[in-house]
Amino acid sequence: ALAGCLVGEGETGAIESVEIAIPLVAEALEKYARDQDISLVAFKDFSTKMRRAFSYLSRSGYARLAGFPPLTLELNFASFDEYMAMQLSRATRKNLRRKFRAAENASPRLALEVWTDAEQIIDEIYPLYLAVAQTSAIRFEVFTREYFLEAGRCAPGKFRYFIWRQGCRAVAFSFCTIWNGTLYDNDIGLDYAVAYELNLYYVTFRDLLNWALSNGLRRYASAPFNYDPKLRLRLQLQPVDVYVKHTSPWLNPLIKVLAPLFEPARTDPVLRRQRHLLR
């Protein structure tokens, strides 16, 4: 039984103070788990800045582990070129320029489209999403077509569907949320037949930053994973905690001892080198 976010930083959404809400949510979640014969209860990926508010969980037998952190970049620059000059190493700048030249020399040229709903484009973007989601080394729930369709219907204006085309063919896709001055880069889709040749991952990153800047946004946020290139691009880790408890009072002390061995952050080789920042 899980409270929090499947991928990315969890939010509480509490009307009252979080300190009041967390014990109530924990009580309800543990009751539900027992009623459904679920062994483990978890609060997943809440910011380490909220540890004081979540201290009830630690006092109530939950083990606290370092989760997979999302990453952010403050948009305190006027353009992508200024960002490269201010924040990236000389070697990274040179590498990016080489990648962008390869994309710019493509024929047909790449073109970006921005949509506010997926009704007319779902048949193009969904296969691109699946191509990435189903080959990822880290497996989570694969979202359905309806997930992308309903997002635009249920919260008009809060989502953007970015499509990069080569001629008439969609070759890359990014599904983003706009909230509180931040562009959240939620899901990516790529056509692997051309993704490496055209360096589409880096093209999408550049174009999303330029779009965010031109629309007055102040922050870019990326989902977890693929940490090596993101850290080279100077995105900042945002440490998160996972709280885990076994519903059996007899087994939970053992879980508290063993759980750190299976800490999510331990499984990623890049994060293992950054663990001092995640504690």
C-alpha atoms as a PDB file:
ATOM      1  CA  ALA A   1       0.000   0.000   0.000  1.00  0.00           C
ATOM      2  CA  LEU A   2       1.575   3.227  -1.186  1.00  0.00           C
ATOM      3  CA  ALA A   3       1.140   6.927  -0.465  1.00  0.00           C
ATOM      4  CA  GLY A   4       3.120   9.405  -2.521  1.00  0.00           C
ATOM      5  CA  CYS A   5       4.220   9.557  -6.114  1.00  0.00           C
ATOM      6  CA  LEU A   6       4.930   6.659  -8.468  1.00  0.00           C
ATOM      7  CA  VAL A   7       7.847   8.527 -10.061  1.00  0.00           C
ATOM      8  CA  GLY A   8       9.045  11.903  -8.820  1.00  0.00           C
ATOM      9  CA  GLU A   9       8.562  13.910  -5.651  1.00  0.00           C
ATOM     10  CA  GLY A  10       5.494  13.162  -3.539  1.00  0.00           C
ATOM     11  CA  GLU A  11       3.151  15.859  -2.295  1.00  0.00           C
ATOM     12  CA  THR A  12       0.811  15.849   0.708  1.00  0.00           C
ATOM     13  CA  GLY A  13      -2.088  18.009  -0.429  1.00  0.00           C
ATOM     14  CA  ALA A  14      -3.072  18.482   3.225  1.00  0.00           C
ATOM     15  CA  ILE A  15      -5.650  21.144   4.073  1.00  0.00           C
ATOM     16  CA  GLU A  16      -4.607  21.087   7.725  1.00  0.00           C
ATOM     17  CA  SER A  17      -0.955  21.031   8.786  1.00  0.00           C
ATOM     18  CA  VAL A  18       1.103  18.100   7.510  1.00  0.00           C
ATOM     19  CA  GLU A  19       1.965  17.162  11.101  1.00  0.00           C
ATOM     20  CA  ILE A  20      -1.756  16.565  11.739  1.00  0.00           C
ATOM     21  CA  ALA A  21      -2.418  14.847   8.426  1.00  0.00           C
ATOM     22  CA  ILE A  22       0.411  12.281   8.373  1.00  0.00           C
ATOM     23  CA  PRO A  23      -0.716  10.230  11.424  1.00  0.00           C
ATOM     24  CA  LEU A  24      -4.246  10.091  10.004  1.00  0.00           C
ATOM     25  CA  VAL A  25      -3.038   8.976   6.567  1.00  0.00           C
ATOM     26  CA  ALA A  26      -0.714   6.390   8.117  1.00  0.00           C
ATOM     27  CA  GLU A  27      -3.525   4.967  10.268  1.00  0.00           C
ATOM     28  CA  ALA A  28      -5.859   4.700   7.269  1.00  0.00           C
ATOM     29  CA  LEU A  29      -3.176   3.222   5.014  1.00  0.00           C
ATOM     30  CA  GLU A  30      -2.148   0.588   7.552  1.00  0.00           C
ATOM     31  CA  LYS A  31      -5.786  -0.384   8.157  1.00  0.00           C
ATOM     32  CA  TYR A  32      -6.366  -0.719   4.425  1.00  0.00           C
ATOM     33  CA  ALA A  33      -3.219  -2.833   4.062  1.00  0.00           C
ATOM     34  CA  ARG A  34      -4.289  -5.197   6.840  1.00  0.00           C
ATOM     35  CA  ASP A  35      -7.818  -5.511   5.411  1.00  0.00           C
ATOM     36  CA  GLN A  36      -6.399  -6.341   1.968  1.00  0.00           C
ATOM     37  CA  ASP A  37      -3.670  -8.697   3.281  1.00  0.00           C
ATOM     38  CA  ILE A  38      -0.948  -6.337   2.026  1.00  0.00           C
ATOM     39  CA  SER A  39       2.327  -6.808   3.878  1.00  0.00           C
ATOM     40  CA  LEU A  40       4.149  -3.528   3.267  1.00  0.00           C
ATOM     41  CA  VAL A  41       3.080   0.081   3.691  1.00  0.00           C
ATOM     42  CA  ALA A  42       5.145   2.896   2.159  1.00  0.00           C
ATOM     43  CA  PHE A  43       5.254   6.671   1.933  1.00  0.00           C
ATOM     44  CA  LYS A  44       7.243   7.202  -1.230  1.00  0.00           C
ATOM     45  CA  ASP A  45       9.540   9.997  -2.345  1.00  0.00           C
ATOM     46  CA  PHE A  46       8.810  12.894  -0.026  1.00  0.00           C
ATOM     47  CA  SER A  47      11.359  15.692   0.137  1.00  0.00           C
ATOM     48  CA  THR A  48      13.985  15.423   2.849  1.00  0.00           C
ATOM     49  CA  LYS A  49      12.989  18.992   3.759  1.00  0.00           C
ATOM     50  CA  MET A  50       9.769  17.497   5.170  1.00  0.00           C
ATOM     51  CA  ARG A  51      11.461  15.156   7.650  1.00  0.00           C
ATOM     52  CA  ARG A  52      10.241  17.123  10.655  1.00  0.00           C
ATOM     53  CA  ALA A  53       6.654  16.877   9.426  1.00  0.00           C
ATOM     54  CA  PHE A  54       7.119  13.145   8.765  1.00  0.00           C
ATOM     55  CA  SER A  55       8.872  12.426  12.068  1.00  0.00           C
ATOM     56  CA  TYR A  56       5.722  10.623  13.264  1.00  0.00           C
ATOM     57  CA  LEU A  57       6.507   7.811  10.831  1.00  0.00           C
ATOM     58  CA  SER A  58      10.011   7.305  12.212  1.00  0.00           C
ATOM     59  CA  ARG A  59       8.599   7.189  15.741  1.00  0.00           C
ATOM     60  CA  SER A  60       5.965   4.672  14.605  1.00  0.00           C
ATOM     61  CA  GLY A  61       8.254   1.964  13.290  1.00  0.00           C
ATOM     62  CA  TYR A  62       8.875   3.059   9.697  1.00  0.00           C
ATOM     63  CA  ALA A  63      12.324   2.628   8.186  1.00  0.00           C
ATOM     64  CA  ARG A  64      13.511   5.728   6.325  1.00  0.00           C
ATOM     65  CA  LEU A  65      15.450   5.158   3.088  1.00  0.00           C
ATOM     66  CA  ALA A  66      16.915   7.363   0.365  1.00  0.00           C
ATOM     67  CA  GLY A  67      14.678   7.247  -2.720  1.00  0.00           C
ATOM     68  CA  PHE A  68      15.406   8.022  -6.357  1.00  0.00           C
ATOM     69  CA  PRO A  69      15.725  11.828  -6.371  1.00  0.00           C
ATOM     70  CA  PRO A  70      14.195  14.010  -9.078  1.00  0.00           C
ATOM     71  CA  LEU A  71      16.355  16.816 -10.439  1.00  0.00           C
ATOM     72  CA  THR A  72      15.827  20.540 -11.026  1.00  0.00           C
ATOM     73  CA  LEU A  73      17.466  23.437 -12.793  1.00  0.00           C
ATOM     74  CA  GLU A  74      16.826  27.062 -11.839  1.00  0.00           C
ATOM     75  CA  LEU A  75      16.203  29.107 -14.987  1.00  0.00           C
ATOM     76  CA  ASN A  76      18.289  32.078 -13.849  1.00  0.00           C
ATOM     77  CA  PHE A  77      19.637  32.822 -17.320  1.00  0.00           C
ATOM     78  CA  ALA A  78      18.220  34.505 -20.430  1.00  0.00           C
ATOM     79  CA  SER A  79      18.934  31.840 -23.049  1.00  0.00           C
ATOM     80  CA  PHE A  80      20.264  28.346 -23.572  1.00  0.00           C
ATOM     81  CA  ASP A  81      23.538  29.797 -24.842  1.00  0.00           C
ATOM     82  CA  GLU A  82      23.908  31.805 -21.639  1.00  0.00           C
ATOM     83  CA  TYR A  83      23.131  28.685 -19.590  1.00  0.00           C
ATOM     84  CA  MET A  84      25.893  26.786 -21.399  1.00  0.00           C
ATOM     85  CA  ALA A  85      28.370  29.614 -20.874  1.00  0.00           C
ATOM     86  CA  MET A  86      27.482  30.098 -17.196  1.00  0.00           C
ATOM     87  CA  GLN A  87      27.058  26.575 -15.939  1.00  0.00           C
ATOM     88  CA  LEU A  88      28.619  23.942 -18.189  1.00  0.00           C
ATOM     89  CA  SER A  89      32.213  22.869 -18.494  1.00  0.00           C
ATOM     90  CA  ARG A  90      34.153  23.601 -21.673  1.00  0.00           C
ATOM     91  CA  ALA A  91      34.153  19.927 -22.614  1.00  0.00           C
ATOM     92  CA  THR A  92      30.374  19.635 -22.123  1.00  0.00           C
ATOM     93  CA  ARG A  93      29.744  22.790 -24.174  1.00  0.00           C
ATOM     94  CA  LYS A  94      31.881  21.442 -27.010  1.00  0.00           C
ATOM     95  CA  ASN A  95      30.107  18.092 -26.881  1.00  0.00           C
ATOM     96  CA  LEU A  96      26.649  19.718 -26.938  1.00  0.00           C
ATOM     97  CA  ARG A  97      27.495  21.960 -29.886  1.00  0.00           C
ATOM     98  CA  ARG A  98      28.666  18.912 -31.837  1.00  0.00           C
ATOM     99  CA  LYS A  99      25.414  17.103 -31.024  1.00  0.00           C
ATOM    100  CA  PHE A 100      23.283  20.070 -32.028  1.00  0.00           C
ATOM    101  CA  ARG A 101      25.140  20.476 -35.342  1.00  0.00           C
ATOM    102  CA  ALA A 102      24.317  16.875 -36.202  1.00  0.00           C
ATOM    103  CA  ALA A 103      20.629  17.551 -35.516  1.00  0.00           C
ATOM    104  CA  GLU A 104      20.636  20.841 -37.423  1.00  0.00           C
ATOM    105  CA  ASN A 105      22.202  19.193 -40.465  1.00  0.00           C
ATOM    106  CA  ALA A 106      19.493  16.529 -40.605  1.00  0.00           C
ATOM    107  CA  SER A 107      17.320  16.377 -43.669  1.00  0.00           C
ATOM    108  CA  PRO A 108      14.426  16.908 -43.363  1.00  0.00           C
ATOM    109  CA  ARG A 109      15.008  19.456 -40.582  1.00  0.00           C
ATOM    110  CA  LEU A 110      13.597  18.886 -37.108  1.00  0.00           C
ATOM    111  CA  ALA A 111      10.562  20.965 -36.184  1.00  0.00           C
ATOM    112  CA  LEU A 112       8.895  21.413 -32.784  1.00  0.00           C
ATOM    113  CA  GLU A 113       5.143  21.447 -32.178  1.00  0.00           C
ATOM    114  CA  VAL A 114       3.440  22.210 -28.854  1.00  0.00           C
ATOM    115  CA  TRP A 115      -0.050  20.874 -28.093  1.00  0.00           C
ATOM    116  CA  THR A 116      -2.345  21.367 -25.099  1.00  0.00           C
ATOM    117  CA  ASP A 117      -4.167  18.034 -25.509  1.00  0.00           C
ATOM    118  CA  ALA A 118      -3.425  14.662 -27.059  1.00  0.00           C
ATOM    119  CA  GLU A 119      -6.675  13.959 -28.905  1.00  0.00           C
ATOM    120  CA  GLN A 120      -5.249  14.359 -32.417  1.00  0.00           C
ATOM    121  CA  ILE A 121      -1.724  13.077 -31.759  1.00  0.00           C
ATOM    122  CA  ILE A 122      -2.116  10.094 -29.415  1.00  0.00           C
ATOM    123  CA  ASP A 123      -1.484   7.548 -32.190  1.00  0.00           C
ATOM    124  CA  GLU A 124       1.864   9.225 -32.901  1.00  0.00           C
ATOM    125  CA  ILE A 125       3.120   9.912 -29.402  1.00  0.00           C
ATOM    126  CA  TYR A 126       2.083   6.756 -27.586  1.00  0.00           C
ATOM    127  CA  PRO A 127       4.367   4.373 -29.569  1.00  0.00           C
ATOM    128  CA  LEU A 128       7.276   6.758 -28.895  1.00  0.00           C
ATOM    129  CA  TYR A 129       6.511   6.681 -25.166  1.00  0.00           C
ATOM    130  CA  LEU A 130       6.311   2.870 -25.179  1.00  0.00           C
ATOM    131  CA  ALA A 131       9.634   2.598 -26.996  1.00  0.00           C
ATOM    132  CA  VAL A 132      11.311   4.271 -23.998  1.00  0.00           C
ATOM    133  CA  ALA A 133       9.149   2.943 -21.161  1.00  0.00           C
ATOM    134  CA  GLN A 134       9.374  -0.699 -22.199  1.00  0.00           C
ATOM    135  CA  THR A 135      13.159  -0.681 -22.647  1.00  0.00           C
ATOM    136  CA  SER A 136      14.025   1.175 -19.432  1.00  0.00           C
ATOM    137  CA  ALA A 137      16.378  -0.618 -17.043  1.00  0.00           C
ATOM    138  CA  ILE A 138      14.126   0.495 -14.169  1.00  0.00           C
ATOM    139  CA  ARG A 139      10.601  -0.849 -14.580  1.00  0.00           C
ATOM    140  CA  PHE A 140       7.533   0.963 -13.316  1.00  0.00           C
ATOM    141  CA  GLU A 141       3.913   0.906 -14.355  1.00  0.00           C
ATOM    142  CA  VAL A 142       3.547   1.702 -18.053  1.00  0.00           C
ATOM    143  CA  PHE A 143       0.940   4.403 -18.526  1.00  0.00           C
ATOM    144  CA  THR A 144      -2.019   3.793 -20.823  1.00  0.00           C
ATOM    145  CA  ARG A 145      -3.158   5.850 -23.799  1.00  0.00           C
ATOM    146  CA  GLU A 146      -6.009   7.100 -21.622  1.00  0.00           C
ATOM    147  CA  TYR A 147      -3.541   8.557 -19.120  1.00  0.00           C
ATOM    148  CA  PHE A 148      -2.199  10.982 -21.727  1.00  0.00           C
ATOM    149  CA  LEU A 149      -5.656  11.723 -23.090  1.00  0.00           C
ATOM    150  CA  GLU A 150      -7.323  12.338 -19.723  1.00  0.00           C
ATOM    151  CA  ALA A 151      -4.574  14.637 -18.444  1.00  0.00           C
ATOM    152  CA  GLY A 152      -5.401  17.285 -21.007  1.00  0.00           C
ATOM    153  CA  ARG A 153      -9.131  16.828 -20.515  1.00  0.00           C
ATOM    154  CA  CYS A 154      -9.135  16.994 -16.716  1.00  0.00           C
ATOM    155  CA  ALA A 155      -6.731  19.913 -16.250  1.00  0.00           C
ATOM    156  CA  PRO A 156      -6.875  22.144 -19.332  1.00  0.00           C
ATOM    157  CA  GLY A 157      -3.878  24.424 -19.684  1.00  0.00           C
ATOM    158  CA  LYS A 158      -1.742  22.571 -17.129  1.00  0.00           C
ATOM    159  CA  PHE A 159      -0.123  20.128 -19.547  1.00  0.00           C
ATOM    160  CA  ARG A 160       1.902  20.442 -22.737  1.00  0.00           C
ATOM    161  CA  TYR A 161       2.608  17.763 -25.315  1.00  0.00           C
ATOM    162  CA  PHE A 162       5.826  18.569 -27.183  1.00  0.00           C
ATOM    163  CA  ILE A 163       6.438  16.778 -30.475  1.00  0.00           C
ATOM    164  CA  TRP A 164       9.579  16.917 -32.585  1.00  0.00           C
ATOM    165  CA  ARG A 165       9.013  16.001 -36.220  1.00  0.00           C
ATOM    166  CA  GLN A 166      11.378  15.159 -39.017  1.00  0.00           C
ATOM    167  CA  GLY A 167       9.259  15.960 -42.024  1.00  0.00           C
ATOM    168  CA  CYS A 168       5.819  14.571 -41.233  1.00  0.00           C
ATOM    169  CA  ARG A 169       7.145  11.857 -38.920  1.00  0.00           C
ATOM    170  CA  ALA A 170       7.110  12.264 -35.126  1.00  0.00           C
ATOM    171  CA  VAL A 171      10.525  11.237 -33.787  1.00  0.00           C
ATOM    172  CA  ALA A 172      10.438  12.549 -30.195  1.00  0.00           C
ATOM    173  CA  PHE A 173       7.820  13.418 -27.604  1.00  0.00           C
ATOM    174  CA  SER A 174       7.792  15.014 -24.154  1.00  0.00           C
ATOM    175  CA  PHE A 175       4.824  15.209 -21.799  1.00  0.00           C
ATOM    176  CA  CYS A 176       5.146  18.124 -19.380  1.00  0.00           C
ATOM    177  CA  THR A 177       3.221  19.719 -16.544  1.00  0.00           C
ATOM    178  CA  ILE A 178       3.221  23.452 -15.798  1.00  0.00           C
ATOM    179  CA  TRP A 179       2.784  24.256 -12.131  1.00  0.00           C
ATOM    180  CA  ASN A 180       3.831  27.131  -9.899  1.00  0.00           C
ATOM    181  CA  GLY A 181       6.351  28.552 -12.343  1.00  0.00           C
ATOM    182  CA  THR A 182       7.952  25.168 -13.057  1.00  0.00           C
ATOM    183  CA  LEU A 183       8.040  23.038 -16.186  1.00  0.00           C
ATOM    184  CA  TYR A 184       7.906  19.386 -15.072  1.00  0.00           C
ATOM    185  CA  ASP A 185       9.372  17.097 -17.735  1.00  0.00           C
ATOM    186  CA  ASN A 186       7.368  13.972 -16.905  1.00  0.00           C
ATOM    187  CA  ASP A 187       7.728  11.468 -19.731  1.00  0.00           C
ATOM    188  CA  ILE A 188       9.791  11.199 -22.873  1.00  0.00           C
ATOM    189  CA  GLY A 189       9.288   9.203 -26.054  1.00  0.00           C
ATOM    190  CA  LEU A 190      11.877   8.568 -28.772  1.00  0.00           C
ATOM    191  CA  ASP A 191      12.119   6.928 -32.156  1.00  0.00           C
ATOM    192  CA  TYR A 192      15.242   4.860 -31.629  1.00  0.00           C
ATOM    193  CA  ALA A 193      15.757   4.509 -35.360  1.00  0.00           C
ATOM    194  CA  VAL A 194      17.066   8.113 -35.353  1.00  0.00           C
ATOM    195  CA  ALA A 195      17.334   9.058 -31.655  1.00  0.00           C
ATOM    196  CA  TYR A 196      21.101   8.562 -31.359  1.00  0.00           C
ATOM    197  CA  GLU A 197      21.943   9.882 -34.810  1.00  0.00           C
ATOM    198  CA  LEU A 198      20.030  13.117 -34.151  1.00  0.00           C
ATOM    199  CA  ASN A 199      20.905  13.302 -30.419  1.00  0.00           C
ATOM    200  CA  LEU A 200      17.230  13.732 -29.664  1.00  0.00           C
ATOM    201  CA  TYR A 201      17.577  13.542 -25.883  1.00  0.00           C
ATOM    202  CA  TYR A 202      19.727  16.683 -25.863  1.00  0.00           C
ATOM    203  CA  VAL A 203      17.644  18.426 -28.526  1.00  0.00           C
ATOM    204  CA  THR A 204      14.493  17.945 -26.446  1.00  0.00           C
ATOM    205  CA  PHE A 205      16.251  19.261 -23.333  1.00  0.00           C
ATOM    206  CA  ARG A 206      17.463  22.395 -25.151  1.00  0.00           C
ATOM    207  CA  ASP A 207      14.099  23.103 -26.727  1.00  0.00           C
ATOM    208  CA  LEU A 208      12.190  22.600 -23.480  1.00  0.00           C
ATOM    209  CA  LEU A 209      14.456  25.058 -21.671  1.00  0.00           C
ATOM    210  CA  ASN A 210      14.064  27.614 -24.453  1.00  0.00           C
ATOM    211  CA  TRP A 211      10.275  27.186 -24.393  1.00  0.00           C
ATOM    212  CA  ALA A 212      10.172  27.545 -20.595  1.00  0.00           C
ATOM    213  CA  LEU A 213      12.268  30.723 -20.765  1.00  0.00           C
ATOM    214  CA  SER A 214      10.110  32.250 -23.502  1.00  0.00           C
ATOM    215  CA  ASN A 215       7.000  31.542 -21.410  1.00  0.00           C
ATOM    216  CA  GLY A 216       8.306  33.124 -18.220  1.00  0.00           C
ATOM    217  CA  LEU A 217       8.857  29.938 -16.217  1.00  0.00           C
ATOM    218  CA  ARG A 218      11.465  29.972 -13.466  1.00  0.00           C
ATOM    219  CA  ARG A 219      12.383  26.330 -13.001  1.00  0.00           C
ATOM    220  CA  TYR A 220      12.807  23.095 -14.928  1.00  0.00           C
ATOM    221  CA  ALA A 221      12.191  19.778 -13.161  1.00  0.00           C
ATOM    222  CA  SER A 222      13.087  16.335 -14.433  1.00  0.00           C
ATOM    223  CA  ALA A 223      11.929  12.907 -13.321  1.00  0.00           C
ATOM    224  CA  PRO A 224      14.446  10.524 -11.705  1.00  0.00           C
ATOM    225  CA  PHE A 225      16.876   8.218 -13.538  1.00  0.00           C
ATOM    226  CA  ASN A 226      19.356   8.724 -16.366  1.00  0.00           C
ATOM    227  CA  TYR A 227      21.410  10.601 -13.799  1.00  0.00           C
ATOM    228  CA  ASP A 228      24.794  10.785 -15.509  1.00  0.00           C
ATOM    229  CA  PRO A 229      23.885  13.137 -18.395  1.00  0.00           C
ATOM    230  CA  LYS A 230      21.581  15.190 -16.166  1.00  0.00           C
ATOM    231  CA  LEU A 231      24.326  15.831 -13.626  1.00  0.00           C
ATOM    232  CA  ARG A 232      26.716  16.762 -16.433  1.00  0.00           C
ATOM    233  CA  LEU A 233      24.088  19.284 -17.506  1.00  0.00           C
ATOM    234  CA  ARG A 234      24.238  20.673 -13.945  1.00  0.00           C
ATOM    235  CA  LEU A 235      20.772  19.659 -12.844  1.00  0.00           C
ATOM    236  CA  GLN A 236      20.576  19.464  -9.075  1.00  0.00           C
ATOM    237  CA  LEU A 237      19.486  16.378  -7.147  1.00  0.00           C
ATOM    238  CA  GLN A 238      16.451  16.916  -4.907  1.00  0.00           C
ATOM    239  CA  PRO A 239      16.802  14.239  -2.198  1.00  0.00           C
ATOM    240  CA  VAL A 240      13.666  12.334  -1.232  1.00  0.00           C
ATOM    241  CA  ASP A 241      12.814   9.823   1.489  1.00  0.00           C
ATOM    242  CA  VAL A 242      10.931   6.553   1.338  1.00  0.00           C
ATOM    243  CA  TYR A 243       9.295   5.329   4.559  1.00  0.00           C
ATOM    244  CA  VAL A 244       8.564   1.596   4.773  1.00  0.00           C
ATOM    245  CA  LYS A 245       6.798  -0.513   7.404  1.00  0.00           C
ATOM    246  CA  HIS A 246       5.649  -4.142   7.601  1.00  0.00           C
ATOM    247  CA  THR A 247       2.122  -4.630   8.877  1.00  0.00           C
ATOM    248  CA  SER A 248       3.285  -7.465  11.134  1.00  0.00           C
ATOM    249  CA  PRO A 249       4.630  -6.159  14.464  1.00  0.00           C
ATOM    250  CA  TRP A 250       6.796  -9.286  14.649  1.00  0.00           C
ATOM    251  CA  LEU A 251       8.407  -8.904  11.236  1.00  0.00           C
ATOM    252  CA  ASN A 252       8.749  -5.133  11.154  1.00  0.00           C
ATOM    253  CA  PRO A 253      11.885  -4.985  13.372  1.00  0.00           C
ATOM    254  CA  LEU A 254      13.577  -7.309  10.864  1.00  0.00           C
ATOM    255  CA  ILE A 255      12.423  -5.107   7.963  1.00  0.00           C
ATOM    256  CA  LYS A 256      13.931  -2.060   9.670  1.00  0.00           C
ATOM    257  CA  VAL A 257      17.290  -3.840   9.849  1.00  0.00           C
ATOM    258  CA  LEU A 258      17.265  -5.229   6.296  1.00  0.00           C
ATOM    259  CA  ALA A 259      15.569  -2.389   4.418  1.00  0.00           C
ATOM    260  CA  PRO A 260      18.712  -0.209   4.117  1.00  0.00           C
ATOM    261  CA  LEU A 261      20.356  -3.005   2.123  1.00  0.00           C
ATOM    262  CA  PHE A 262      17.655  -2.555  -0.539  1.00  0.00           C
ATOM    263  CA  GLU A 263      17.637   1.232  -0.465  1.00  0.00           C
ATOM    264  CA  PRO A 264      16.617   2.498  -3.931  1.00  0.00           C
ATOM    265  CA  ALA A 265      19.557   4.891  -4.204  1.00  0.00           C
ATOM    266  CA  ARG A 266      21.995   2.004  -3.704  1.00  0.00           C
ATOM    267  CA  THR A 267      20.906   0.387  -6.964  1.00  0.00           C
ATOM    268  CA  ASP A 268      22.087   3.215  -9.240  1.00  0.00           C
ATOM    269  CA  PRO A 269      25.880   3.430  -9.784  1.00  0.00           C
ATOM    270  CA  VAL A 270      25.822   7.219 -10.253  1.00  0.00           C
ATOM    271  CA  LEU A 271      23.743   7.754  -7.087  1.00  0.00           C
ATOM    272  CA  ARG A 272      26.053   5.513  -5.085  1.00  0.00           C
ATOM    273  CA  ARG A 273      28.753   8.146  -5.662  1.00  0.00           C
ATOM    274  CA  GLN A 274      26.320  10.862  -4.514  1.00  0.00           C
ATOM    275  CA  ARG A 275      24.910   9.130  -1.428  1.00  0.00           C
ATOM    276  CA  HIS A 276      26.452  11.712   0.905  1.00  0.00           C
ATOM    277  CA  LEU A 277      24.083  14.257  -0.667  1.00  0.00           C
ATOM    278  CA  LEU A 278      21.008  12.090  -0.181  1.00  0.00           C
ATOM    279  CA  ARG A 279      21.159  11.349   3.537  1.00  0.00           C
END
